[in-house]
């Protein structure tokens, strides 16, 4: 597809902004490791995989500390910065603790409805809405933790972290 030379700068600017936004949001996943690196501690050990649901608070705290230290190692974060960001992420994990089982229960109910002799589309839609509300709550709290964590870092550290995350996104 050929781009119009007159719109190329705007197109490039949109991708740059989208990349920066994605890198910023990745900081929340950096500390709690919502996806990929949660598996570094074994399969099923992340909030999206249900592993943290059974984890005691002390073990969860240690994992958050380890993941935060790992993610911040390359940006020369001070011990105080690491400590503050770890506290922010632990606070978010504690705030979200009550929601951990809700997602699993909603998925279980959805599967029961889909396996029923008669499909109840209205109930399935109601469950979908509940799931989206749950995701919205988690997303809002994680964005708050991300923003709070970003404010602990210097602009140079945030740029370094964003650059590293963007390189990782480019690799696939």
N, C-alpha and C. Protein backbone atom coordinates (compact mmCIF):
# COMPACT_ATOMS: atom_id res chain seq x y z
N UNK A 1 0.83 -1.18 0.00
CA UNK A 1 0.00 0.00 0.00
C UNK A 1 0.88 1.24 0.00
N UNK A 2 0.61 2.15 -0.90
CA UNK A 2 1.40 3.35 -1.00
C UNK A 2 0.76 4.47 -0.18
N UNK A 3 1.61 5.19 0.58
CA UNK A 3 1.10 6.28 1.41
C UNK A 3 1.20 7.60 0.67
N UNK A 4 0.26 8.45 0.93
CA UNK A 4 0.26 9.79 0.39
C UNK A 4 1.38 10.58 1.09
N UNK A 5 2.31 11.19 0.36
CA UNK A 5 3.41 11.94 0.98
C UNK A 5 2.92 13.06 1.89
N UNK A 6 1.75 13.60 1.62
CA UNK A 6 1.23 14.68 2.45
C UNK A 6 0.75 14.16 3.80
N UNK A 7 0.31 12.90 3.87
CA UNK A 7 -0.18 12.37 5.14
C UNK A 7 0.85 11.51 5.85
N UNK A 8 2.01 11.29 5.22
CA UNK A 8 3.04 10.43 5.83
C UNK A 8 3.50 10.94 7.19
N UNK A 9 3.76 12.26 7.38
CA UNK A 9 4.18 12.70 8.72
C UNK A 9 3.10 12.43 9.78
N UNK A 10 1.85 12.64 9.46
CA UNK A 10 0.78 12.39 10.43
C UNK A 10 0.70 10.90 10.73
N UNK A 11 0.86 10.08 9.72
CA UNK A 11 0.84 8.62 9.89
C UNK A 11 1.97 8.20 10.81
N UNK A 12 3.17 8.72 10.55
CA UNK A 12 4.33 8.40 11.36
C UNK A 12 4.14 8.89 12.79
N UNK A 13 3.59 10.07 12.95
CA UNK A 13 3.35 10.65 14.27
C UNK A 13 2.37 9.78 15.06
N UNK A 14 1.33 9.28 14.39
CA UNK A 14 0.35 8.41 15.07
C UNK A 14 1.02 7.15 15.57
N UNK A 15 1.90 6.55 14.73
CA UNK A 15 2.58 5.32 15.15
C UNK A 15 3.54 5.60 16.29
N UNK A 16 4.20 6.74 16.26
CA UNK A 16 5.11 7.10 17.34
C UNK A 16 4.34 7.27 18.65
N UNK A 17 3.22 7.97 18.60
CA UNK A 17 2.40 8.17 19.79
C UNK A 17 1.86 6.84 20.28
N UNK A 18 1.41 6.01 19.35
CA UNK A 18 0.90 4.69 19.74
C UNK A 18 2.01 3.86 20.38
N UNK A 19 3.21 3.94 19.85
CA UNK A 19 4.34 3.20 20.41
C UNK A 19 4.70 3.67 21.81
N UNK A 20 4.70 4.98 22.00
CA UNK A 20 5.00 5.52 23.32
C UNK A 20 3.92 5.12 24.31
N UNK A 21 2.66 5.19 23.88
CA UNK A 21 1.56 4.78 24.75
C UNK A 21 1.69 3.30 25.11
N UNK A 22 2.01 2.48 24.13
CA UNK A 22 2.15 1.05 24.40
C UNK A 22 3.31 0.79 25.36
N UNK A 23 4.40 1.51 25.16
CA UNK A 23 5.55 1.33 26.05
C UNK A 23 5.22 1.79 27.46
N UNK A 24 4.47 2.86 27.58
CA UNK A 24 4.08 3.35 28.90
C UNK A 24 3.20 2.35 29.62
N UNK A 25 2.23 1.84 28.91
CA UNK A 25 1.33 0.86 29.51
C UNK A 25 2.09 -0.41 29.88
N UNK A 26 3.13 -0.70 29.12
CA UNK A 26 3.92 -1.90 29.41
C UNK A 26 4.63 -1.81 30.75
N UNK A 27 4.82 -0.61 31.30
CA UNK A 27 5.46 -0.49 32.60
C UNK A 27 4.64 -1.17 33.68
N UNK A 28 3.33 -1.08 33.58
CA UNK A 28 2.49 -1.77 34.57
C UNK A 28 2.69 -3.27 34.45
N UNK A 29 2.70 -3.74 33.22
CA UNK A 29 2.96 -5.16 33.01
C UNK A 29 4.38 -5.52 33.38
N UNK A 30 5.26 -4.53 33.35
CA UNK A 30 6.65 -4.79 33.72
C UNK A 30 6.75 -5.23 35.17
N UNK A 31 6.07 -4.53 36.04
CA UNK A 31 6.20 -4.86 37.46
C UNK A 31 5.37 -6.06 37.86
N UNK A 32 4.15 -6.11 37.42
CA UNK A 32 3.31 -7.26 37.79
C UNK A 32 3.41 -8.37 36.78
N UNK A 33 3.97 -8.03 35.63
CA UNK A 33 4.19 -9.02 34.57
C UNK A 33 2.91 -9.74 34.22
N UNK A 34 1.97 -9.00 33.73
CA UNK A 34 0.63 -9.51 33.43
C UNK A 34 0.64 -10.61 32.39
N UNK A 35 1.71 -10.68 31.63
CA UNK A 35 1.70 -11.73 30.62
C UNK A 35 3.07 -12.38 30.58
N UNK A 36 3.74 -12.30 29.50
CA UNK A 36 4.97 -12.97 29.18
C UNK A 36 5.89 -13.43 30.30
N UNK A 37 6.49 -12.51 31.04
CA UNK A 37 7.52 -12.91 31.98
C UNK A 37 6.96 -13.54 33.24
N UNK A 38 5.66 -13.56 33.42
CA UNK A 38 5.10 -14.29 34.55
C UNK A 38 5.50 -15.75 34.41
N UNK A 39 5.67 -16.21 33.18
CA UNK A 39 6.04 -17.59 32.94
C UNK A 39 7.49 -17.87 33.34
N UNK A 40 8.28 -16.82 33.57
CA UNK A 40 9.65 -17.03 34.02
C UNK A 40 9.68 -17.74 35.37
N UNK A 41 8.57 -17.65 36.09
CA UNK A 41 8.47 -18.27 37.40
C UNK A 41 7.70 -19.57 37.33
N UNK A 42 7.44 -20.04 36.14
CA UNK A 42 6.73 -21.31 35.96
C UNK A 42 5.40 -21.06 35.28
N UNK A 43 4.88 -22.07 34.59
CA UNK A 43 3.62 -21.90 33.88
C UNK A 43 2.47 -21.63 34.84
N UNK A 44 1.61 -20.73 34.41
CA UNK A 44 0.41 -20.45 35.20
C UNK A 44 0.66 -19.59 36.42
N UNK A 45 1.77 -18.86 36.46
CA UNK A 45 2.07 -18.03 37.62
C UNK A 45 1.99 -16.57 37.27
N UNK A 46 0.84 -16.12 36.96
CA UNK A 46 0.61 -14.71 36.69
C UNK A 46 -0.85 -14.44 36.90
N UNK A 47 -1.20 -13.17 37.13
CA UNK A 47 -2.59 -12.87 37.42
C UNK A 47 -3.55 -13.25 36.29
N UNK A 48 -3.08 -13.22 35.04
CA UNK A 48 -3.96 -13.56 33.94
C UNK A 48 -4.04 -15.07 33.74
N UNK A 49 -3.15 -15.81 34.39
CA UNK A 49 -3.11 -17.25 34.24
C UNK A 49 -3.69 -17.98 35.44
N UNK A 50 -4.15 -17.24 36.44
CA UNK A 50 -4.77 -17.84 37.59
C UNK A 50 -3.79 -18.31 38.65
N UNK A 51 -2.49 -18.26 38.39
CA UNK A 51 -1.51 -18.75 39.33
C UNK A 51 -1.42 -17.93 40.59
N UNK A 52 -1.61 -16.63 40.50
CA UNK A 52 -1.50 -15.78 41.68
C UNK A 52 -2.70 -15.94 42.59
N UNK A 53 -3.74 -16.51 42.06
CA UNK A 53 -4.96 -16.68 42.85
C UNK A 53 -4.68 -17.55 44.08
N UNK A 54 -3.85 -18.57 43.92
CA UNK A 54 -3.56 -19.48 45.01
C UNK A 54 -2.32 -19.05 45.79
N UNK A 55 -1.65 -17.99 45.39
CA UNK A 55 -0.39 -17.59 45.97
C UNK A 55 -0.61 -16.81 47.27
N UNK A 56 0.19 -17.12 48.29
CA UNK A 56 0.07 -16.38 49.53
C UNK A 56 0.69 -15.00 49.35
N UNK A 57 0.27 -14.03 50.15
CA UNK A 57 0.74 -12.65 49.98
C UNK A 57 2.27 -12.50 50.07
N UNK A 58 2.92 -13.28 50.90
CA UNK A 58 4.37 -13.17 51.04
C UNK A 58 5.07 -13.59 49.74
N UNK A 59 4.63 -14.71 49.17
CA UNK A 59 5.23 -15.19 47.92
C UNK A 59 4.94 -14.20 46.80
N UNK A 60 3.71 -13.69 46.75
CA UNK A 60 3.37 -12.71 45.72
C UNK A 60 4.25 -11.48 45.85
N UNK A 61 4.46 -11.02 47.07
CA UNK A 61 5.31 -9.87 47.30
C UNK A 61 6.73 -10.10 46.81
N UNK A 62 7.26 -11.29 47.06
CA UNK A 62 8.62 -11.62 46.60
C UNK A 62 8.69 -11.65 45.08
N UNK A 63 7.66 -12.15 44.46
CA UNK A 63 7.65 -12.18 42.98
C UNK A 63 7.58 -10.78 42.40
N UNK A 64 6.75 -9.94 43.01
CA UNK A 64 6.66 -8.55 42.54
C UNK A 64 8.01 -7.87 42.71
N UNK A 65 8.68 -8.10 43.83
CA UNK A 65 10.01 -7.52 44.06
C UNK A 65 10.99 -7.98 42.99
N UNK A 66 10.99 -9.28 42.71
CA UNK A 66 11.92 -9.82 41.71
C UNK A 66 11.63 -9.27 40.32
N UNK A 67 10.36 -9.23 39.94
CA UNK A 67 10.02 -8.73 38.60
C UNK A 67 10.33 -7.25 38.47
N UNK A 68 10.07 -6.49 39.53
CA UNK A 68 10.36 -5.06 39.48
C UNK A 68 11.86 -4.84 39.35
N UNK A 69 12.65 -5.56 40.14
CA UNK A 69 14.11 -5.43 40.06
C UNK A 69 14.60 -5.79 38.66
N UNK A 70 14.05 -6.86 38.09
CA UNK A 70 14.45 -7.29 36.75
C UNK A 70 14.13 -6.22 35.72
N UNK A 71 12.92 -5.69 35.77
CA UNK A 71 12.50 -4.72 34.76
C UNK A 71 13.23 -3.39 34.89
N UNK A 72 13.64 -3.04 36.09
CA UNK A 72 14.27 -1.73 36.29
C UNK A 72 15.79 -1.79 36.27
N UNK A 73 16.36 -2.98 36.16
CA UNK A 73 17.81 -3.15 36.23
C UNK A 73 18.54 -2.36 35.14
N UNK A 74 18.04 -2.36 33.94
CA UNK A 74 18.74 -1.74 32.81
C UNK A 74 18.58 -0.23 32.74
N UNK A 75 17.80 0.36 33.62
CA UNK A 75 17.59 1.81 33.52
C UNK A 75 18.24 2.55 34.68
N UNK A 76 19.11 1.85 35.40
CA UNK A 76 19.85 2.46 36.51
C UNK A 76 18.94 3.06 37.57
N UNK A 77 17.89 2.35 37.90
CA UNK A 77 16.98 2.81 38.96
C UNK A 77 17.69 2.69 40.30
N UNK A 78 17.47 3.66 41.15
CA UNK A 78 18.07 3.63 42.48
C UNK A 78 17.31 2.65 43.36
N UNK A 79 17.92 2.31 44.48
CA UNK A 79 17.26 1.41 45.44
C UNK A 79 15.95 2.03 45.92
N UNK A 80 15.96 3.35 46.13
CA UNK A 80 14.74 4.03 46.58
C UNK A 80 13.64 3.95 45.51
N UNK A 81 14.00 4.16 44.25
CA UNK A 81 13.02 4.07 43.17
C UNK A 81 12.45 2.66 43.09
N UNK A 82 13.32 1.66 43.16
CA UNK A 82 12.85 0.27 43.11
C UNK A 82 11.91 -0.02 44.27
N UNK A 83 12.26 0.47 45.42
CA UNK A 83 11.44 0.25 46.62
C UNK A 83 10.08 0.92 46.47
N UNK A 84 10.06 2.16 46.00
CA UNK A 84 8.80 2.87 45.83
C UNK A 84 7.91 2.21 44.79
N UNK A 85 8.50 1.80 43.66
CA UNK A 85 7.72 1.16 42.61
C UNK A 85 7.22 -0.20 43.07
N UNK A 86 8.05 -0.94 43.79
CA UNK A 86 7.61 -2.22 44.33
C UNK A 86 6.41 -2.02 45.25
N UNK A 87 6.47 -0.99 46.10
CA UNK A 87 5.35 -0.70 47.01
C UNK A 87 4.09 -0.34 46.22
N UNK A 88 4.25 0.42 45.16
CA UNK A 88 3.09 0.79 44.32
C UNK A 88 2.47 -0.46 43.72
N UNK A 89 3.30 -1.35 43.17
CA UNK A 89 2.79 -2.55 42.53
C UNK A 89 2.19 -3.53 43.54
N UNK A 90 2.79 -3.62 44.71
CA UNK A 90 2.20 -4.46 45.75
C UNK A 90 0.84 -3.91 46.17
N UNK A 91 0.74 -2.59 46.25
CA UNK A 91 -0.55 -1.97 46.58
C UNK A 91 -1.60 -2.31 45.54
N UNK A 92 -1.21 -2.25 44.27
CA UNK A 92 -2.15 -2.59 43.20
C UNK A 92 -2.56 -4.06 43.29
N UNK A 93 -1.59 -4.93 43.55
CA UNK A 93 -1.90 -6.37 43.67
C UNK A 93 -2.85 -6.61 44.83
N UNK A 94 -2.62 -5.93 45.94
CA UNK A 94 -3.52 -6.08 47.09
C UNK A 94 -4.92 -5.57 46.77
N UNK A 95 -4.98 -4.43 46.08
CA UNK A 95 -6.29 -3.87 45.71
C UNK A 95 -7.06 -4.79 44.79
N UNK A 96 -6.34 -5.50 43.93
CA UNK A 96 -6.99 -6.36 42.95
C UNK A 96 -7.20 -7.79 43.45
N UNK A 97 -6.71 -8.08 44.65
CA UNK A 97 -6.80 -9.45 45.18
C UNK A 97 -8.24 -9.96 45.22
N UNK A 98 -9.16 -9.10 45.58
CA UNK A 98 -10.55 -9.54 45.69
C UNK A 98 -11.17 -9.86 44.33
N UNK A 99 -10.56 -9.39 43.26
CA UNK A 99 -11.12 -9.61 41.92
C UNK A 99 -10.59 -10.87 41.25
N UNK A 100 -9.57 -11.47 41.82
CA UNK A 100 -8.89 -12.58 41.14
C UNK A 100 -9.81 -13.74 40.81
N UNK A 101 -10.66 -14.12 41.74
CA UNK A 101 -11.52 -15.26 41.49
C UNK A 101 -12.72 -14.94 40.62
N UNK A 102 -13.08 -13.66 40.54
CA UNK A 102 -14.27 -13.29 39.77
C UNK A 102 -14.15 -13.62 38.29
N UNK A 103 -13.01 -13.35 37.71
CA UNK A 103 -12.81 -13.64 36.28
C UNK A 103 -12.94 -15.12 36.00
N UNK A 104 -12.33 -15.92 36.85
CA UNK A 104 -12.41 -17.37 36.67
C UNK A 104 -13.86 -17.85 36.79
N UNK A 105 -14.59 -17.32 37.74
CA UNK A 105 -15.99 -17.71 37.93
C UNK A 105 -16.84 -17.30 36.72
N UNK A 106 -16.60 -16.13 36.19
CA UNK A 106 -17.34 -15.68 35.01
C UNK A 106 -17.05 -16.58 33.81
N UNK A 107 -15.80 -16.96 33.62
CA UNK A 107 -15.47 -17.87 32.52
C UNK A 107 -16.11 -19.24 32.72
N UNK A 108 -16.12 -19.71 33.96
CA UNK A 108 -16.75 -21.00 34.26
C UNK A 108 -18.24 -20.96 33.92
N UNK A 109 -18.91 -19.87 34.31
CA UNK A 109 -20.34 -19.73 34.01
C UNK A 109 -20.58 -19.67 32.50
N UNK A 110 -19.70 -18.97 31.79
CA UNK A 110 -19.84 -18.88 30.33
C UNK A 110 -19.74 -20.26 29.70
N UNK A 111 -18.77 -21.05 30.14
CA UNK A 111 -18.60 -22.39 29.58
C UNK A 111 -19.81 -23.28 29.89
N UNK A 112 -20.38 -23.12 31.07
CA UNK A 112 -21.58 -23.90 31.40
C UNK A 112 -22.73 -23.51 30.48
N UNK A 113 -22.88 -22.22 30.23
CA UNK A 113 -23.96 -21.76 29.34
C UNK A 113 -23.74 -22.26 27.91
N UNK A 114 -22.50 -22.27 27.47
CA UNK A 114 -22.21 -22.73 26.11
C UNK A 114 -22.38 -24.24 25.97
N UNK A 115 -22.22 -24.96 27.06
CA UNK A 115 -22.36 -26.41 27.03
C UNK A 115 -23.81 -26.87 27.25
N UNK A 116 -24.68 -25.95 27.56
CA UNK A 116 -26.08 -26.29 27.83
C UNK A 116 -26.78 -26.77 26.57
N UNK A 117 -27.88 -27.49 26.76
CA UNK A 117 -28.65 -28.00 25.63
C UNK A 117 -29.20 -26.86 24.78
N UNK A 118 -29.57 -25.77 25.43
CA UNK A 118 -30.09 -24.59 24.74
C UNK A 118 -29.18 -23.40 25.07
N UNK A 119 -28.74 -22.70 24.06
CA UNK A 119 -27.87 -21.54 24.25
C UNK A 119 -28.71 -20.34 24.66
N UNK A 120 -28.37 -19.74 25.78
CA UNK A 120 -29.06 -18.55 26.27
C UNK A 120 -28.20 -17.33 25.97
N UNK A 121 -28.47 -16.72 24.83
CA UNK A 121 -27.66 -15.58 24.38
C UNK A 121 -27.74 -14.40 25.34
N UNK A 122 -28.88 -14.18 25.93
CA UNK A 122 -29.04 -13.05 26.85
C UNK A 122 -28.15 -13.23 28.08
N UNK A 123 -28.10 -14.43 28.63
CA UNK A 123 -27.23 -14.68 29.79
C UNK A 123 -25.76 -14.59 29.40
N UNK A 124 -25.42 -15.10 28.23
CA UNK A 124 -24.04 -14.99 27.76
C UNK A 124 -23.63 -13.54 27.59
N UNK A 125 -24.52 -12.73 27.05
CA UNK A 125 -24.23 -11.31 26.88
C UNK A 125 -24.08 -10.63 28.24
N UNK A 126 -24.91 -11.00 29.19
CA UNK A 126 -24.81 -10.42 30.54
C UNK A 126 -23.46 -10.77 31.17
N UNK A 127 -23.01 -12.00 30.97
CA UNK A 127 -21.70 -12.40 31.49
C UNK A 127 -20.57 -11.65 30.78
N UNK A 128 -20.71 -11.46 29.48
CA UNK A 128 -19.69 -10.70 28.73
C UNK A 128 -19.57 -9.29 29.28
N UNK A 129 -20.72 -8.68 29.56
CA UNK A 129 -20.71 -7.32 30.11
C UNK A 129 -20.02 -7.31 31.48
N UNK A 130 -20.29 -8.31 32.30
CA UNK A 130 -19.64 -8.39 33.61
C UNK A 130 -18.13 -8.57 33.46
N UNK A 131 -17.72 -9.39 32.48
CA UNK A 131 -16.30 -9.59 32.24
C UNK A 131 -15.63 -8.28 31.80
N UNK A 132 -16.30 -7.54 30.93
CA UNK A 132 -15.75 -6.28 30.47
C UNK A 132 -15.65 -5.27 31.62
N UNK A 133 -16.64 -5.27 32.50
CA UNK A 133 -16.59 -4.38 33.66
C UNK A 133 -15.42 -4.75 34.58
N UNK A 134 -15.21 -6.04 34.75
CA UNK A 134 -14.09 -6.51 35.56
C UNK A 134 -12.76 -6.09 34.93
N UNK A 135 -12.63 -6.28 33.62
CA UNK A 135 -11.41 -5.87 32.92
C UNK A 135 -11.20 -4.36 33.03
N UNK A 136 -12.27 -3.61 32.95
CA UNK A 136 -12.19 -2.15 33.08
C UNK A 136 -11.67 -1.76 34.47
N UNK A 137 -12.16 -2.41 35.49
CA UNK A 137 -11.72 -2.13 36.85
C UNK A 137 -10.23 -2.44 37.02
N UNK A 138 -9.82 -3.60 36.52
CA UNK A 138 -8.41 -3.99 36.61
C UNK A 138 -7.55 -3.03 35.80
N UNK A 139 -7.98 -2.71 34.60
CA UNK A 139 -7.22 -1.81 33.73
C UNK A 139 -7.07 -0.43 34.37
N UNK A 140 -8.13 0.08 34.95
CA UNK A 140 -8.09 1.40 35.58
C UNK A 140 -7.09 1.39 36.74
N UNK A 141 -7.12 0.35 37.56
CA UNK A 141 -6.21 0.28 38.72
C UNK A 141 -4.77 0.11 38.26
N UNK A 142 -4.56 -0.69 37.21
CA UNK A 142 -3.20 -0.87 36.72
C UNK A 142 -2.66 0.41 36.07
N UNK A 143 -3.52 1.16 35.41
CA UNK A 143 -3.08 2.43 34.84
C UNK A 143 -2.68 3.39 35.96
N UNK A 144 -3.43 3.38 37.05
CA UNK A 144 -3.07 4.21 38.19
C UNK A 144 -1.69 3.80 38.72
N UNK A 145 -1.45 2.49 38.86
CA UNK A 145 -0.15 2.01 39.34
C UNK A 145 0.96 2.38 38.35
N UNK A 146 0.67 2.26 37.06
CA UNK A 146 1.63 2.63 36.02
C UNK A 146 2.00 4.10 36.13
N UNK A 147 1.00 4.94 36.24
CA UNK A 147 1.23 6.38 36.31
C UNK A 147 2.01 6.73 37.57
N UNK A 148 1.61 6.15 38.69
CA UNK A 148 2.33 6.40 39.94
C UNK A 148 3.79 5.95 39.82
N UNK A 149 4.02 4.79 39.20
CA UNK A 149 5.38 4.27 39.01
C UNK A 149 6.18 5.16 38.07
N UNK A 150 5.56 5.60 37.00
CA UNK A 150 6.25 6.45 36.03
C UNK A 150 6.71 7.75 36.67
N UNK A 151 5.91 8.27 37.61
CA UNK A 151 6.28 9.52 38.28
C UNK A 151 7.50 9.35 39.19
N UNK A 152 7.79 8.12 39.59
CA UNK A 152 8.96 7.85 40.43
C UNK A 152 10.24 7.94 39.60
N UNK A 153 10.15 7.60 38.33
CA UNK A 153 11.31 7.58 37.44
C UNK A 153 11.58 8.95 36.84
N UNK A 154 12.82 9.17 36.44
CA UNK A 154 13.17 10.40 35.75
C UNK A 154 12.70 10.29 34.30
N UNK A 155 12.57 11.42 33.61
CA UNK A 155 12.21 11.35 32.19
C UNK A 155 13.20 10.51 31.38
N UNK A 156 14.48 10.57 31.72
CA UNK A 156 15.49 9.79 31.01
C UNK A 156 15.28 8.30 31.24
N UNK A 157 14.96 7.92 32.47
CA UNK A 157 14.72 6.52 32.78
C UNK A 157 13.48 6.01 32.06
N UNK A 158 12.44 6.83 32.03
CA UNK A 158 11.21 6.43 31.32
C UNK A 158 11.49 6.26 29.84
N UNK A 159 12.29 7.15 29.26
CA UNK A 159 12.62 7.04 27.84
C UNK A 159 13.42 5.77 27.57
N UNK A 160 14.37 5.46 28.47
CA UNK A 160 15.17 4.24 28.34
C UNK A 160 14.29 3.00 28.40
N UNK A 161 13.38 2.99 29.36
CA UNK A 161 12.47 1.86 29.52
C UNK A 161 11.57 1.72 28.30
N UNK A 162 11.05 2.84 27.82
CA UNK A 162 10.18 2.81 26.64
C UNK A 162 10.95 2.30 25.42
N UNK A 163 12.19 2.76 25.26
CA UNK A 163 13.02 2.32 24.12
C UNK A 163 13.24 0.81 24.18
N UNK A 164 13.57 0.32 25.36
CA UNK A 164 13.80 -1.12 25.52
C UNK A 164 12.53 -1.91 25.21
N UNK A 165 11.38 -1.45 25.67
CA UNK A 165 10.12 -2.13 25.41
C UNK A 165 9.76 -2.08 23.93
N UNK A 166 10.01 -0.94 23.29
CA UNK A 166 9.72 -0.83 21.86
C UNK A 166 10.59 -1.80 21.06
N UNK A 167 11.85 -1.93 21.42
CA UNK A 167 12.72 -2.89 20.73
C UNK A 167 12.18 -4.30 20.89
N UNK A 168 11.68 -4.61 22.07
CA UNK A 168 11.12 -5.93 22.31
C UNK A 168 9.86 -6.15 21.46
N UNK A 169 9.01 -5.11 21.36
CA UNK A 169 7.80 -5.21 20.54
C UNK A 169 8.17 -5.45 19.08
N UNK A 170 9.23 -4.80 18.62
CA UNK A 170 9.64 -4.96 17.22
C UNK A 170 10.10 -6.37 16.91
N UNK A 171 10.69 -7.04 17.90
CA UNK A 171 11.15 -8.40 17.70
C UNK A 171 9.97 -9.38 17.61
N UNK A 172 8.85 -8.95 18.14
CA UNK A 172 7.68 -9.81 18.05
C UNK A 172 7.42 -10.49 19.29
